[in-house]
Amino acid sequence: METINFEIQLAEKLIYVSIIDLSNSIFLWVGDKSSQFNNLNIASCSNFSTTPSAVDLLGSTQETLSLKLTKRLNKQVLLSFNLQFSELEKQTTHDLILKEIINKLK
């Protein structure tokens, strides 16, 4: 088990990321200084489909990001994404966070 914590500066917003990397899964918390835990999504690969599946366990989360991480890492992903962005900002933010997470896990 490995724990990784880092920050991402995005324009005027500071994003905090905490990762717990387990052998077959990964837990990620993404948020701001309020440290809220309002959402939880789980995504995993299946032997029956090439596309991972995802489900919200708590609140309404960022299913797209958890699915992308599951595909890239080939692990079950539990994601708590606690930030609000406009639709325009969402894709850019997700891509930046995905890139940073992948880099930190190498």
Protein backbone atom coordinates (compact mmCIF):
# COMPACT_ATOMS: atom_id res chain seq x y z
CA MET A 1 0.00 0.00 0.00
CA GLU A 2 1.29 3.42 -0.98
CA THR A 3 -0.16 6.83 -0.10
CA ILE A 4 0.49 9.83 -2.33
CA ASN A 5 -0.65 13.41 -1.68
CA PHE A 6 -0.12 16.34 -4.02
CA GLU A 7 -1.59 19.64 -5.17
CA ILE A 8 -2.49 20.95 -8.61
CA GLN A 9 -2.71 24.67 -9.30
CA LEU A 10 -5.47 25.34 -11.83
CA ALA A 11 -5.87 29.04 -12.61
CA GLU A 12 -6.91 30.56 -9.27
CA LYS A 13 -8.05 27.23 -7.79
CA LEU A 14 -5.80 24.91 -5.76
CA ILE A 15 -6.81 21.25 -6.10
CA TYR A 16 -5.75 18.67 -3.53
CA VAL A 17 -5.35 15.01 -4.49
CA SER A 18 -4.88 12.07 -2.14
CA ILE A 19 -4.22 8.57 -3.50
CA ILE A 20 -4.13 5.23 -1.73
CA ASP A 21 -2.65 2.70 -4.16
CA LEU A 22 -3.52 -0.88 -3.23
CA SER A 23 -2.50 -4.03 -5.08
CA ASN A 24 -5.73 -4.43 -7.12
CA SER A 25 -7.46 -1.10 -6.60
CA ILE A 26 -6.87 2.57 -6.05
CA PHE A 27 -8.71 5.11 -3.91
CA LEU A 28 -8.60 8.77 -4.96
CA TRP A 29 -9.90 11.83 -3.19
CA VAL A 30 -9.94 15.06 -5.18
CA GLY A 31 -11.11 18.29 -3.57
CA ASP A 32 -10.33 21.74 -2.29
CA LYS A 33 -9.38 23.15 1.10
CA SER A 34 -12.86 22.41 2.49
CA SER A 35 -11.93 18.68 2.57
CA GLN A 36 -15.48 17.56 1.80
CA PHE A 37 -16.37 13.94 1.08
CA ASN A 38 -19.72 14.26 -0.69
CA ASN A 39 -19.28 11.86 -3.60
CA LEU A 40 -18.00 8.34 -4.15
CA ASN A 41 -17.93 6.44 -7.42
CA ILE A 42 -16.52 3.00 -8.11
CA ALA A 43 -15.39 1.83 -11.55
CA SER A 44 -13.96 -1.54 -12.47
CA CYS A 45 -13.05 -3.73 -15.40
CA SER A 46 -14.99 -6.86 -16.19
CA ASN A 47 -14.18 -10.16 -17.83
CA PHE A 48 -17.45 -9.85 -19.76
CA SER A 49 -16.88 -6.49 -21.44
CA THR A 50 -14.00 -4.40 -22.76
CA THR A 51 -15.67 -1.29 -21.34
CA PRO A 52 -15.38 -0.72 -17.58
CA SER A 53 -18.55 -0.13 -15.62
CA ALA A 54 -19.15 2.47 -12.92
CA VAL A 55 -21.70 3.19 -10.23
CA ASP A 56 -22.26 6.04 -7.78
CA LEU A 57 -22.17 4.89 -4.16
CA LEU A 58 -22.58 8.32 -2.61
CA GLY A 59 -23.88 11.51 -4.21
CA SER A 60 -23.39 12.27 -7.87
CA THR A 61 -19.79 11.93 -9.00
CA GLN A 62 -17.55 12.21 -12.02
CA GLU A 63 -18.11 8.81 -13.61
CA THR A 64 -16.14 9.76 -16.74
CA LEU A 65 -12.93 10.33 -14.79
CA SER A 66 -13.20 7.07 -12.84
CA LEU A 67 -13.82 5.13 -16.08
CA LYS A 68 -10.78 6.72 -17.74
CA LEU A 69 -8.59 5.92 -14.74
CA THR A 70 -9.82 2.32 -14.63
CA LYS A 71 -8.96 1.85 -18.31
CA ARG A 72 -5.52 3.48 -17.97
CA LEU A 73 -4.52 1.76 -14.71
CA ASN A 74 -6.32 -1.56 -15.28
CA LYS A 75 -7.44 -1.44 -11.63
CA GLN A 76 -10.65 -0.91 -9.74
CA VAL A 77 -10.98 2.82 -8.97
CA LEU A 78 -12.82 4.36 -6.05
CA LEU A 79 -13.09 8.09 -6.71
CA SER A 80 -14.35 10.85 -4.46
CA PHE A 81 -14.42 13.98 -6.63
CA ASN A 82 -15.49 17.00 -4.59
CA LEU A 83 -15.07 19.96 -6.93
CA GLN A 84 -17.54 22.01 -8.94
CA PHE A 85 -16.68 23.15 -12.46
CA SER A 86 -18.65 24.46 -15.41
CA GLU A 87 -19.14 22.12 -18.36
CA LEU A 88 -16.46 24.04 -20.26
CA GLU A 89 -13.91 23.63 -17.45
CA LYS A 90 -14.79 20.01 -16.65
CA GLN A 91 -13.01 18.28 -19.56
CA THR A 92 -9.82 20.32 -19.19
CA THR A 93 -9.79 19.75 -15.45
CA HIS A 94 -10.38 16.01 -15.79
CA ASP A 95 -7.59 15.70 -18.37
CA LEU A 96 -5.15 17.61 -16.17
CA ILE A 97 -6.01 15.57 -13.07
CA LEU A 98 -5.81 12.30 -15.03
CA LYS A 99 -2.35 13.25 -16.39
CA GLU A 100 -1.05 14.19 -12.93
CA ILE A 101 -2.37 11.00 -11.32
CA ILE A 102 -0.85 8.79 -14.02
CA ASN A 103 2.51 10.60 -13.61
CA LYS A 104 2.48 10.20 -9.82
CA LEU A 105 1.73 6.47 -10.05
CA LYS A 106 4.59 5.66 -12.45
